[in-house]
PDB file of all heavy atoms in Angstrom:
ATOM      1  N   GLY A   1       0.773  -1.188   0.010  1.00  0.00           N
ATOM      2  CA  GLY A   1      -0.012  -0.037  -0.006  1.00  0.00           C
ATOM      3  C   GLY A   1       0.858   1.342  -0.031  1.00  0.00           C
ATOM      4  O   GLY A   1       0.242   2.357   0.105  1.00  0.00           O
ATOM      5  N   ILE A   2       2.084   1.194  -0.028  1.00  0.00           N
ATOM      6  CA  ILE A   2       2.993   2.348   0.072  1.00  0.00           C
ATOM      7  C   ILE A   2       3.118   3.189  -1.299  1.00  0.00           C
ATOM      8  O   ILE A   2       3.213   4.334  -1.418  1.00  0.00           O
ATOM      9  CB  ILE A   2       4.492   1.966   0.356  1.00  0.00           C
ATOM     10  CG1 ILE A   2       5.355   3.175   0.593  1.00  0.00           C
ATOM     11  CG2 ILE A   2       5.029   0.974  -0.555  1.00  0.00           C
ATOM     12  CD1 ILE A   2       4.872   4.020   1.863  1.00  0.00           C
ATOM     13  N   MET A   3       2.833   2.352  -2.440  1.00  0.00           N
ATOM     14  CA  MET A   3       3.059   2.939  -3.803  1.00  0.00           C
ATOM     15  C   MET A   3       2.233   4.175  -4.024  1.00  0.00           C
ATOM     16  O   MET A   3       2.765   5.224  -4.622  1.00  0.00           O
ATOM     17  CB  MET A   3       3.120   1.985  -4.802  1.00  0.00           C
ATOM     18  CG  MET A   3       3.698   2.300  -6.246  1.00  0.00           C
ATOM     19  SD  MET A   3       5.410   2.892  -5.992  1.00  0.00           S
ATOM     20  CE  MET A   3       6.183   1.323  -5.527  1.00  0.00           C
ATOM     21  N   PRO A   4       0.941   4.193  -3.644  1.00  0.00           N
ATOM     22  CA  PRO A   4       0.085   5.280  -3.855  1.00  0.00           C
ATOM     23  C   PRO A   4       0.654   6.543  -3.206  1.00  0.00           C
ATOM     24  O   PRO A   4       0.463   7.694  -3.753  1.00  0.00           O
ATOM     25  CB  PRO A   4      -1.297   4.939  -3.391  1.00  0.00           C
ATOM     26  CG  PRO A   4      -1.352   3.370  -3.429  1.00  0.00           C
ATOM     27  CD  PRO A   4       0.053   2.941  -3.177  1.00  0.00           C
ATOM     28  N   VAL A   5       1.175   6.379  -1.991  1.00  0.00           N
ATOM     29  CA  VAL A   5       1.828   7.584  -1.377  1.00  0.00           C
ATOM     30  C   VAL A   5       2.935   8.082  -2.057  1.00  0.00           C
ATOM     31  O   VAL A   5       3.112   9.292  -2.157  1.00  0.00           O
ATOM     32  CB  VAL A   5       2.178   7.087   0.158  1.00  0.00           C
ATOM     33  CG1 VAL A   5       2.734   8.369   0.916  1.00  0.00           C
ATOM     34  CG2 VAL A   5       0.880   6.552   0.902  1.00  0.00           C
ATOM     35  N   LEU A   6       3.844   7.146  -2.533  1.00  0.00           N
ATOM     36  CA  LEU A   6       5.053   7.536  -3.292  1.00  0.00           C
ATOM     37  C   LEU A   6       4.555   8.294  -4.559  1.00  0.00           C
ATOM     38  O   LEU A   6       5.232   9.331  -4.876  1.00  0.00           O
ATOM     39  CB  LEU A   6       5.901   6.444  -3.612  1.00  0.00           C
ATOM     40  CG  LEU A   6       6.421   5.543  -2.442  1.00  0.00           C
ATOM     41  CD1 LEU A   6       7.466   4.453  -2.972  1.00  0.00           C
ATOM     42  CD2 LEU A   6       7.010   6.447  -1.396  1.00  0.00           C
ATOM     43  N   LYS A   7       3.550   7.752  -5.324  1.00  0.00           N
ATOM     44  CA  LYS A   7       3.117   8.417  -6.544  1.00  0.00           C
ATOM     45  C   LYS A   7       2.570   9.741  -6.297  1.00  0.00           C
ATOM     46  O   LYS A   7       2.647  10.719  -7.097  1.00  0.00           O
ATOM     47  CB  LYS A   7       2.141   7.485  -7.192  1.00  0.00           C
ATOM     48  CG  LYS A   7       2.789   6.285  -7.798  1.00  0.00           C
ATOM     49  CD  LYS A   7       1.822   5.393  -8.471  1.00  0.00           C
ATOM     50  CE  LYS A   7       2.297   4.144  -9.108  1.00  0.00           C
ATOM     51  NZ  LYS A   7       1.252   3.288  -9.772  1.00  0.00           N
ATOM     52  N   LEU A   8       1.747   9.935  -5.100  1.00  0.00           N
ATOM     53  CA  LEU A   8       1.293  11.221  -4.791  1.00  0.00           C
ATOM     54  C   LEU A   8       2.322  12.325  -4.558  1.00  0.00           C
ATOM     55  O   LEU A   8       2.278  13.408  -5.132  1.00  0.00           O
ATOM     56  CB  LEU A   8       0.313  11.120  -3.527  1.00  0.00           C
ATOM     57  CG  LEU A   8      -0.241  12.326  -2.961  1.00  0.00           C
ATOM     58  CD1 LEU A   8      -1.312  12.780  -4.020  1.00  0.00           C
ATOM     59  CD2 LEU A   8      -0.850  12.167  -1.657  1.00  0.00           C
ATOM     60  N   SER A   9       3.359  11.924  -3.937  1.00  0.00           N
ATOM     61  CA  SER A   9       4.511  12.770  -3.744  1.00  0.00           C
ATOM     62  C   SER A   9       5.290  13.066  -5.000  1.00  0.00           C
ATOM     63  O   SER A   9       5.668  14.268  -5.254  1.00  0.00           O
ATOM     64  CB  SER A   9       5.578  12.125  -2.689  1.00  0.00           C
ATOM     65  OG  SER A   9       4.925  12.176  -1.407  1.00  0.00           O
ATOM     66  N   TYR A  10       5.460  12.056  -5.799  1.00  0.00           N
ATOM     67  CA  TYR A  10       6.056  12.213  -7.146  1.00  0.00           C
ATOM     68  C   TYR A  10       5.285  13.245  -8.104  1.00  0.00           C
ATOM     69  O   TYR A  10       5.828  14.059  -8.681  1.00  0.00           O
ATOM     70  CB  TYR A  10       6.246  10.842  -7.864  1.00  0.00           C
ATOM     71  CG  TYR A  10       6.506  10.907  -9.391  1.00  0.00           C
ATOM     72  CD1 TYR A  10       7.798  11.172  -9.585  1.00  0.00           C
ATOM     73  CD2 TYR A  10       5.613  10.822 -10.350  1.00  0.00           C
ATOM     74  CE1 TYR A  10       8.243  11.218 -11.049  1.00  0.00           C
ATOM     75  CE2 TYR A  10       5.864  10.865 -11.655  1.00  0.00           C
ATOM     76  CZ  TYR A  10       7.152  11.118 -11.996  1.00  0.00           C
ATOM     77  OH  TYR A  10       7.594  11.152 -13.391  1.00  0.00           O
ATOM     78  N   GLY A  11       3.888  13.225  -7.926  1.00  0.00           N
ATOM     79  CA  GLY A  11       3.162  14.061  -8.730  1.00  0.00           C
ATOM     80  C   GLY A  11       3.231  15.445  -8.463  1.00  0.00           C
ATOM     81  O   GLY A  11       2.932  16.289  -9.268  1.00  0.00           O
ATOM     82  N   THR A  12       3.793  15.759  -7.292  1.00  0.00           N
ATOM     83  CA  THR A  12       3.961  17.201  -6.945  1.00  0.00           C
ATOM     84  C   THR A  12       5.324  17.672  -7.345  1.00  0.00           C
ATOM     85  O   THR A  12       5.484  19.040  -7.201  1.00  0.00           O
ATOM     86  CB  THR A  12       3.826  17.469  -5.416  1.00  0.00           C
ATOM     87  OG1 THR A  12       4.877  16.757  -4.764  1.00  0.00           O
ATOM     88  CG2 THR A  12       2.586  16.826  -4.876  1.00  0.00           C
ATOM     89  N   LEU A  13       6.101  16.955  -7.832  1.00  0.00           N
ATOM     90  CA  LEU A  13       7.478  17.414  -8.280  1.00  0.00           C
ATOM     91  C   LEU A  13       7.315  18.300  -9.557  1.00  0.00           C
ATOM     92  O   LEU A  13       6.544  17.948 -10.441  1.00  0.00           O
ATOM     93  CB  LEU A  13       8.390  16.246  -8.559  1.00  0.00           C
ATOM     94  CG  LEU A  13       8.828  15.393  -7.287  1.00  0.00           C
ATOM     95  CD1 LEU A  13       9.563  14.173  -7.891  1.00  0.00           C
ATOM     96  CD2 LEU A  13       9.558  16.142  -6.272  1.00  0.00           C
ATOM     97  N   PRO A  14       8.197  19.305  -9.812  1.00  0.00           N
ATOM     98  CA  PRO A  14       8.197  19.899 -11.088  1.00  0.00           C
ATOM     99  C   PRO A  14       8.651  18.958 -12.190  1.00  0.00           C
ATOM    100  O   PRO A  14       9.423  17.902 -11.914  1.00  0.00           O
ATOM    101  CB  PRO A  14       9.482  20.891 -10.903  1.00  0.00           C
ATOM    102  CG  PRO A  14       9.545  21.162  -9.442  1.00  0.00           C
ATOM    103  CD  PRO A  14       9.167  19.857  -8.820  1.00  0.00           C
ATOM    104  N   SER A  15       8.259  19.230 -13.452  1.00  0.00           N
ATOM    105  CA  SER A  15       8.311  18.253 -14.545  1.00  0.00           C
ATOM    106  C   SER A  15       9.746  17.957 -14.809  1.00  0.00           C
ATOM    107  O   SER A  15      10.220  16.761 -15.095  1.00  0.00           O
ATOM    108  CB  SER A  15       7.681  18.772 -15.767  1.00  0.00           C
ATOM    109  OG  SER A  15       8.277  20.003 -16.167  1.00  0.00           O
ATOM    110  N   ARG A  16      10.624  18.904 -14.830  1.00  0.00           N
ATOM    111  CA  ARG A  16      12.138  18.608 -15.046  1.00  0.00           C
ATOM    112  C   ARG A  16      12.779  17.713 -13.917  1.00  0.00           C
ATOM    113  O   ARG A  16      13.681  17.026 -14.212  1.00  0.00           O
ATOM    114  CB  ARG A  16      12.880  20.001 -15.279  1.00  0.00           C
ATOM    115  CG  ARG A  16      12.504  20.740 -16.530  1.00  0.00           C
ATOM    116  CD  ARG A  16      13.170  21.942 -16.692  1.00  0.00           C
ATOM    117  NE  ARG A  16      12.824  22.558 -18.069  1.00  0.00           N
ATOM    118  CZ  ARG A  16      13.127  23.827 -18.379  1.00  0.00           C
ATOM    119  NH1 ARG A  16      13.765  24.506 -17.503  1.00  0.00           N
ATOM    120  NH2 ARG A  16      12.761  24.303 -19.557  1.00  0.00           N
ATOM    121  N   VAL A  17      12.287  17.983 -12.702  1.00  0.00           N
ATOM    122  CA  VAL A  17      12.856  17.170 -11.552  1.00  0.00           C
ATOM    123  C   VAL A  17      12.301  15.806 -11.722  1.00  0.00           C
ATOM    124  O   VAL A  17      13.003  14.946 -11.356  1.00  0.00           O
ATOM    125  CB  VAL A  17      12.327  17.787 -10.181  1.00  0.00           C
ATOM    126  CG1 VAL A  17      12.871  17.045  -9.092  1.00  0.00           C
ATOM    127  CG2 VAL A  17      13.072  19.285 -10.162  1.00  0.00           C
ATOM    128  N   LYS A  18      11.039  15.616 -12.201  1.00  0.00           N
ATOM    129  CA  LYS A  18      10.578  14.212 -12.496  1.00  0.00           C
ATOM    130  C   LYS A  18      11.374  13.526 -13.375  1.00  0.00           C
ATOM    131  O   LYS A  18      11.726  12.297 -13.189  1.00  0.00           O
ATOM    132  CB  LYS A  18       9.058  14.356 -12.984  1.00  0.00           C
ATOM    133  CG  LYS A  18       8.131  14.748 -12.020  1.00  0.00           C
ATOM    134  CD  LYS A  18       6.643  14.728 -12.659  1.00  0.00           C
ATOM    135  CE  LYS A  18       5.687  15.133 -11.740  1.00  0.00           C
ATOM    136  NZ  LYS A  18       4.298  15.328 -12.443  1.00  0.00           N
ATOM    137  N   GLN A  19      11.925  14.184 -14.466  1.00  0.00           N
ATOM    138  CA  GLN A  19      12.753  13.463 -15.507  1.00  0.00           C
ATOM    139  C   GLN A  19      14.051  13.118 -14.748  1.00  0.00           C
ATOM    140  O   GLN A  19      14.570  11.936 -15.167  1.00  0.00           O
ATOM    141  CB  GLN A  19      13.000  14.501 -16.491  1.00  0.00           C
ATOM    142  CG  GLN A  19      13.530  13.821 -17.931  1.00  0.00           C
ATOM    143  CD  GLN A  19      13.544  14.903 -19.000  1.00  0.00           C
ATOM    144  OE1 GLN A  19      13.690  16.126 -18.616  1.00  0.00           O
ATOM    145  NE2 GLN A  19      13.409  14.495 -20.218  1.00  0.00           N
ATOM    146  N   CYS A  20      14.614  13.929 -14.003  1.00  0.00           N
ATOM    147  CA  CYS A  20      15.951  13.565 -13.319  1.00  0.00           C
ATOM    148  C   CYS A  20      15.715  12.464 -12.351  1.00  0.00           C
ATOM    149  O   CYS A  20      16.554  11.566 -12.262  1.00  0.00           O
ATOM    150  CB  CYS A  20      16.439  14.772 -12.494  1.00  0.00           C
ATOM    151  SG  CYS A  20      16.993  16.258 -13.609  1.00  0.00           S
ATOM    152  N   PHE A  21      14.533  12.364 -11.661  1.00  0.00           N
ATOM    153  CA  PHE A  21      14.307  11.206 -10.863  1.00  0.00           C
ATOM    154  C   PHE A  21      14.247   9.985 -11.591  1.00  0.00           C
ATOM    155  O   PHE A  21      14.772   8.961 -11.093  1.00  0.00           O
ATOM    156  CB  PHE A  21      12.976  11.649  -9.897  1.00  0.00           C
ATOM    157  CG  PHE A  21      12.451  10.437  -9.178  1.00  0.00           C
ATOM    158  CD1 PHE A  21      13.139   9.950  -8.045  1.00  0.00           C
ATOM    159  CD2 PHE A  21      11.376   9.777  -9.651  1.00  0.00           C
ATOM    160  CE1 PHE A  21      12.689   8.805  -7.348  1.00  0.00           C
ATOM    161  CE2 PHE A  21      10.779   8.689  -8.864  1.00  0.00           C
ATOM    162  CZ  PHE A  21      11.524   8.268  -7.821  1.00  0.00           C
ATOM    163  N   ALA A  22      13.349   9.906 -12.708  1.00  0.00           N
ATOM    164  CA  ALA A  22      13.158   8.727 -13.358  1.00  0.00           C
ATOM    165  C   ALA A  22      14.390   8.128 -13.887  1.00  0.00           C
ATOM    166  O   ALA A  22      14.623   6.995 -13.965  1.00  0.00           O
ATOM    167  CB  ALA A  22      12.148   8.991 -14.430  1.00  0.00           C
ATOM    168  N   TYR A  23      15.379   9.118 -14.229  1.00  0.00           N
ATOM    169  CA  TYR A  23      16.641   8.622 -14.804  1.00  0.00           C
ATOM    170  C   TYR A  23      17.412   7.733 -13.795  1.00  0.00           C
ATOM    171  O   TYR A  23      18.270   6.812 -14.154  1.00  0.00           O
ATOM    172  CB  TYR A  23      17.517   9.844 -15.109  1.00  0.00           C
ATOM    173  CG  TYR A  23      18.838   9.600 -15.668  1.00  0.00           C
ATOM    174  CD1 TYR A  23      19.116   9.309 -16.954  1.00  0.00           C
ATOM    175  CD2 TYR A  23      19.971   9.620 -14.702  1.00  0.00           C
ATOM    176  CE1 TYR A  23      20.359   9.002 -17.387  1.00  0.00           C
ATOM    177  CE2 TYR A  23      21.284   9.484 -15.221  1.00  0.00           C
ATOM    178  CZ  TYR A  23      21.434   9.019 -16.592  1.00  0.00           C
ATOM    179  OH  TYR A  23      22.730   8.780 -17.003  1.00  0.00           O
ATOM    180  N   CYS A  24      17.209   7.931 -12.465  1.00  0.00           N
ATOM    181  CA  CYS A  24      17.952   7.283 -11.382  1.00  0.00           C
ATOM    182  C   CYS A  24      17.554   5.687 -11.372  1.00  0.00           C
ATOM    183  O   CYS A  24      18.342   4.882 -10.854  1.00  0.00           O
ATOM    184  CB  CYS A  24      17.613   7.783 -10.032  1.00  0.00           C
ATOM    185  SG  CYS A  24      18.239   9.511  -9.851  1.00  0.00           S
ATOM    186  N   CYS A  25      16.507   5.232 -12.080  1.00  0.00           N
ATOM    187  CA  CYS A  25      16.273   3.929 -12.113  1.00  0.00           C
ATOM    188  C   CYS A  25      17.210   3.114 -12.963  1.00  0.00           C
ATOM    189  O   CYS A  25      17.247   1.804 -12.776  1.00  0.00           O
ATOM    190  CB  CYS A  25      14.860   3.588 -12.691  1.00  0.00           C
ATOM    191  SG  CYS A  25      14.657   3.804 -14.480  1.00  0.00           S
ATOM    192  N   LEU A  26      18.074   3.723 -13.713  1.00  0.00           N
ATOM    193  CA  LEU A  26      19.112   3.063 -14.523  1.00  0.00           C
ATOM    194  C   LEU A  26      20.119   2.338 -13.626  1.00  0.00           C
ATOM    195  O   LEU A  26      20.924   1.522 -14.083  1.00  0.00           O
ATOM    196  CB  LEU A  26      19.715   3.940 -15.398  1.00  0.00           C
ATOM    197  CG  LEU A  26      19.026   4.262 -16.708  1.00  0.00           C
ATOM    198  CD1 LEU A  26      19.713   5.428 -17.454  1.00  0.00           C
ATOM    199  CD2 LEU A  26      18.868   2.983 -17.735  1.00  0.00           C
ATOM    200  N   PHE A  27      20.265   2.913 -12.235  1.00  0.00           N
ATOM    201  CA  PHE A  27      21.313   2.265 -11.444  1.00  0.00           C
ATOM    202  C   PHE A  27      20.713   1.149 -10.579  1.00  0.00           C
ATOM    203  O   PHE A  27      19.483   1.230 -10.364  1.00  0.00           O
ATOM    204  CB  PHE A  27      21.796   3.446 -10.529  1.00  0.00           C
ATOM    205  CG  PHE A  27      22.482   4.561 -11.333  1.00  0.00           C
ATOM    206  CD1 PHE A  27      21.719   5.601 -11.945  1.00  0.00           C
ATOM    207  CD2 PHE A  27      23.849   4.514 -11.464  1.00  0.00           C
ATOM    208  CE1 PHE A  27      22.419   6.614 -12.526  1.00  0.00           C
ATOM    209  CE2 PHE A  27      24.530   5.489 -12.072  1.00  0.00           C
ATOM    210  CZ  PHE A  27      23.797   6.592 -12.732  1.00  0.00           C
ATOM    211  N   PRO A  28      21.439   0.185 -10.181  1.00  0.00           N
ATOM    212  CA  PRO A  28      20.887  -0.834  -9.416  1.00  0.00           C
ATOM    213  C   PRO A  28      20.311  -0.397  -7.986  1.00  0.00           C
ATOM    214  O   PRO A  28      20.830   0.658  -7.558  1.00  0.00           O
ATOM    215  CB  PRO A  28      22.182  -1.923  -9.242  1.00  0.00           C
ATOM    216  CG  PRO A  28      23.197  -1.327 -10.298  1.00  0.00           C
ATOM    217  CD  PRO A  28      22.888  -0.019 -10.536  1.00  0.00           C
ATOM    218  N   LYS A  29      19.616  -1.290  -7.466  1.00  0.00           N
ATOM    219  CA  LYS A  29      19.065  -0.980  -6.073  1.00  0.00           C
ATOM    220  C   LYS A  29      20.201  -0.944  -5.062  1.00  0.00           C
ATOM    221  O   LYS A  29      21.174  -1.695  -5.389  1.00  0.00           O
ATOM    222  CB  LYS A  29      18.013  -2.052  -5.766  1.00  0.00           C
ATOM    223  CG  LYS A  29      16.637  -1.854  -6.409  1.00  0.00           C
ATOM    224  CD  LYS A  29      15.579  -2.921  -5.871  1.00  0.00           C
ATOM    225  CE  LYS A  29      14.327  -2.832  -6.585  1.00  0.00           C
ATOM    226  NZ  LYS A  29      13.269  -3.656  -6.058  1.00  0.00           N
ATOM    227  N   ASP A  30      20.098  -0.198  -4.160  1.00  0.00           N
ATOM    228  CA  ASP A  30      21.092   0.074  -3.147  1.00  0.00           C
ATOM    229  C   ASP A  30      22.417   0.638  -3.731  1.00  0.00           C
ATOM    230  O   ASP A  30      23.473   0.603  -3.077  1.00  0.00           O
ATOM    231  CB  ASP A  30      21.432  -1.312  -2.439  1.00  0.00           C
ATOM    232  CG  ASP A  30      22.178  -1.122  -1.060  1.00  0.00           C
ATOM    233  OD1 ASP A  30      21.606  -0.285  -0.266  1.00  0.00           O
ATOM    234  OD2 ASP A  30      23.171  -1.696  -0.731  1.00  0.00           O
ATOM    235  N   TRP A  31      22.261   1.324  -4.803  1.00  0.00           N
ATOM    236  CA  TRP A  31      23.431   1.977  -5.461  1.00  0.00           C
ATOM    237  C   TRP A  31      23.889   3.193  -4.648  1.00  0.00           C
ATOM    238  O   TRP A  31      22.918   4.008  -4.207  1.00  0.00           O
ATOM    239  CB  TRP A  31      23.248   2.299  -6.962  1.00  0.00           C
ATOM    240  CG  TRP A  31      24.200   2.978  -7.589  1.00  0.00           C
ATOM    241  CD1 TRP A  31      24.410   4.235  -7.716  1.00  0.00           C
ATOM    242  CD2 TRP A  31      25.402   2.348  -8.268  1.00  0.00           C
ATOM    243  NE1 TRP A  31      25.576   4.432  -8.557  1.00  0.00           N
ATOM    244  CE2 TRP A  31      26.218   3.413  -8.828  1.00  0.00           C
ATOM    245  CE3 TRP A  31      25.749   0.923  -8.455  1.00  0.00           C
ATOM    246  CZ2 TRP A  31      27.343   2.972  -9.609  1.00  0.00           C
ATOM    247  CZ3 TRP A  31      26.817   0.694  -9.112  1.00  0.00           C
ATOM    248  CH2 TRP A  31      27.591   1.685  -9.713  1.00  0.00           C
ATOM    249  N   GLU A  32      25.147   3.315  -4.389  1.00  0.00           N
ATOM    250  CA  GLU A  32      25.509   4.615  -3.697  1.00  0.00           C
ATOM    251  C   GLU A  32      25.819   5.634  -4.709  1.00  0.00           C
ATOM    252  O   GLU A  32      26.878   5.635  -5.405  1.00  0.00           O
ATOM    253  CB  GLU A  32      26.666   4.282  -2.786  1.00  0.00           C
ATOM    254  CG  GLU A  32      27.149   5.572  -1.942  1.00  0.00           C
ATOM    255  CD  GLU A  32      28.137   5.208  -0.902  1.00  0.00           C
ATOM    256  OE1 GLU A  32      29.125   4.534  -1.187  1.00  0.00           O
ATOM    257  OE2 GLU A  32      27.882   5.575   0.328  1.00  0.00           O
ATOM    258  N   PHE A  33      24.970   6.572  -4.971  1.00  0.00           N
ATOM    259  CA  PHE A  33      25.150   7.661  -5.942  1.00  0.00           C
ATOM    260  C   PHE A  33      26.151   8.665  -5.506  1.00  0.00           C
ATOM    261  O   PHE A  33      26.284   8.986  -4.332  1.00  0.00           O
ATOM    262  CB  PHE A  33      23.802   8.390  -6.074  1.00  0.00           C
ATOM    263  CG  PHE A  33      22.748   7.549  -6.811  1.00  0.00           C
ATOM    264  CD1 PHE A  33      21.970   6.764  -5.985  1.00  0.00           C
ATOM    265  CD2 PHE A  33      22.538   7.735  -8.156  1.00  0.00           C
ATOM    266  CE1 PHE A  33      20.986   5.973  -6.681  1.00  0.00           C
ATOM    267  CE2 PHE A  33      21.593   6.937  -8.825  1.00  0.00           C
ATOM    268  CZ  PHE A  33      20.679   6.125  -8.074  1.00  0.00           C
ATOM    269  N   ASN A  34      26.957   9.126  -6.291  1.00  0.00           N
ATOM    270  CA  ASN A  34      27.813  10.311  -6.165  1.00  0.00           C
ATOM    271  C   ASN A  34      27.024  11.497  -6.788  1.00  0.00           C
ATOM    272  O   ASN A  34      26.593  11.589  -7.826  1.00  0.00           O
ATOM    273  CB  ASN A  34      29.136  10.149  -6.943  1.00  0.00           C
ATOM    274  CG  ASN A  34      30.132  11.401  -6.697  1.00  0.00           C
ATOM    275  OD1 ASN A  34      29.830  12.408  -7.328  1.00  0.00           O
ATOM    276  ND2 ASN A  34      30.979  11.189  -5.856  1.00  0.00           N
TER     277      ASN A  34
END
């Protein structure tokens, strides 16, 4: 039941920030981003 909450928060992001967020899925889970 957590995904609707995450999607609600995602929906409030500016469009360009949404694009940057979606790009992060290219990295594996538990990846330590620089």
